[in-house]
Amino acid sequence: MSTIHICDVPQETWAELVAAARERGESMHSSLLALLKEAAQRGRNSEPRKRLDSADEENGAG
C-alpha cells in the first residue's frame, strides 16, 4: 500500500469532505479512498475516449 499526504487543502474543501463522509456514515479514510478509486477509474475510462477523439481529429472528423 502507498501513502498520500495532501498539503494546503482549503478549509472549505475540507469541510465539504468531512460533511460528505459523515452523511455516508464513513470515516475520512474510507471516504477519501473511495474518491481516489473513483477518480482513478474515471481516468482509465477516459483514455480510450481520448484515443478515439485523437483518431477522429487525424481523419478530419474532429
C-alpha atoms as a PDB file:
ATOM      1  CA  MET A   1       0.000   0.000   0.000  1.00  0.00           C
ATOM      2  CA  SER A   2       1.075   3.557  -0.652  1.00  0.00           C
ATOM      3  CA  THR A   3       0.591   6.619   1.487  1.00  0.00           C
ATOM      4  CA  ILE A   4      -0.508  10.007   0.182  1.00  0.00           C
ATOM      5  CA  HIS A   5      -0.136  13.297   2.036  1.00  0.00           C
ATOM      6  CA  ILE A   6      -2.013  16.319   0.709  1.00  0.00           C
ATOM      7  CA  CYS A   7      -0.996  19.757   1.947  1.00  0.00           C
ATOM      8  CA  ASP A   8      -2.785  23.101   1.771  1.00  0.00           C
ATOM      9  CA  VAL A   9      -6.331  21.774   1.403  1.00  0.00           C
ATOM     10  CA  PRO A  10      -8.646  24.798   1.571  1.00  0.00           C
ATOM     11  CA  GLN A  11     -10.763  24.812   4.736  1.00  0.00           C
ATOM     12  CA  GLU A  12     -13.988  24.952   2.703  1.00  0.00           C
ATOM     13  CA  THR A  13     -12.966  21.870   0.716  1.00  0.00           C
ATOM     14  CA  TRP A  14     -12.013  20.019   3.900  1.00  0.00           C
ATOM     15  CA  ALA A  15     -15.363  20.900   5.488  1.00  0.00           C
ATOM     16  CA  GLU A  16     -17.228  19.599   2.432  1.00  0.00           C
ATOM     17  CA  LEU A  17     -15.256  16.340   2.517  1.00  0.00           C
ATOM     18  CA  VAL A  18     -15.945  15.887   6.239  1.00  0.00           C
ATOM     19  CA  ALA A  19     -19.665  16.591   5.750  1.00  0.00           C
ATOM     20  CA  ALA A  20     -19.901  14.142   2.840  1.00  0.00           C
ATOM     21  CA  ALA A  21     -18.180  11.396   4.837  1.00  0.00           C
ATOM     22  CA  ARG A  22     -20.490  11.972   7.808  1.00  0.00           C
ATOM     23  CA  GLU A  23     -23.590  11.864   5.589  1.00  0.00           C
ATOM     24  CA  ARG A  24     -22.494   8.458   4.287  1.00  0.00           C
ATOM     25  CA  GLY A  25     -21.512   7.238   7.743  1.00  0.00           C
ATOM     26  CA  GLU A  26     -17.917   6.721   6.608  1.00  0.00           C
ATOM     27  CA  SER A  27     -14.572   7.579   8.129  1.00  0.00           C
ATOM     28  CA  MET A  28     -12.487  10.198   6.332  1.00  0.00           C
ATOM     29  CA  HIS A  29     -10.060   7.439   5.388  1.00  0.00           C
ATOM     30  CA  SER A  30     -12.775   5.319   3.756  1.00  0.00           C
ATOM     31  CA  SER A  31     -14.406   8.300   2.097  1.00  0.00           C
ATOM     32  CA  LEU A  32     -11.179   9.697   0.620  1.00  0.00           C
ATOM     33  CA  LEU A  33     -10.022   6.267  -0.515  1.00  0.00           C
ATOM     34  CA  ALA A  34     -13.337   5.766  -2.335  1.00  0.00           C
ATOM     35  CA  LEU A  35     -12.963   9.183  -4.010  1.00  0.00           C
ATOM     36  CA  LEU A  36      -9.436   8.329  -5.151  1.00  0.00           C
ATOM     37  CA  LYS A  37     -10.549   4.972  -6.538  1.00  0.00           C
ATOM     38  CA  GLU A  38     -13.427   6.634  -8.430  1.00  0.00           C
ATOM     39  CA  ALA A  39     -11.083   9.273  -9.871  1.00  0.00           C
ATOM     40  CA  ALA A  40      -8.583   6.620 -10.950  1.00  0.00           C
ATOM     41  CA  GLN A  41     -11.340   4.622 -12.657  1.00  0.00           C
ATOM     42  CA  ARG A  42     -12.650   7.715 -14.469  1.00  0.00           C
ATOM     43  CA  GLY A  43      -9.119   8.426 -15.638  1.00  0.00           C
ATOM     44  CA  ARG A  44      -8.769   4.937 -17.091  1.00  0.00           C
ATOM     45  CA  ASN A  45     -12.169   5.140 -18.736  1.00  0.00           C
ATOM     46  CA  SER A  46     -11.382   8.477 -20.375  1.00  0.00           C
ATOM     47  CA  GLU A  47      -8.181   7.228 -22.035  1.00  0.00           C
ATOM     48  CA  PRO A  48      -9.944   5.194 -24.787  1.00  0.00           C
ATOM     49  CA  ARG A  49     -12.193   8.211 -25.450  1.00  0.00           C
ATOM     50  CA  LYS A  50      -9.131  10.441 -25.861  1.00  0.00           C
ATOM     51  CA  ARG A  51      -7.635   7.980 -28.343  1.00  0.00           C
ATOM     52  CA  LEU A  52     -10.871   7.896 -30.344  1.00  0.00           C
ATOM     53  CA  ASP A  53     -11.102  11.694 -30.338  1.00  0.00           C
ATOM     54  CA  SER A  54      -7.484  11.926 -31.472  1.00  0.00           C
ATOM     55  CA  ALA A  55      -8.101   9.451 -34.302  1.00  0.00           C
ATOM     56  CA  ASP A  56     -11.172  11.444 -35.387  1.00  0.00           C
ATOM     57  CA  GLU A  57      -9.094  14.633 -35.496  1.00  0.00           C
ATOM     58  CA  GLU A  58      -6.386  12.922 -37.535  1.00  0.00           C
ATOM     59  CA  ASN A  59      -9.020  11.702 -40.006  1.00  0.00           C
ATOM     60  CA  GLY A  60     -10.636  15.127 -40.271  1.00  0.00           C
ATOM     61  CA  ALA A  61     -13.741  14.144 -38.338  1.00  0.00           C
ATOM     62  CA  GLY A  62     -12.962  16.265 -35.248  1.00  0.00           C
END
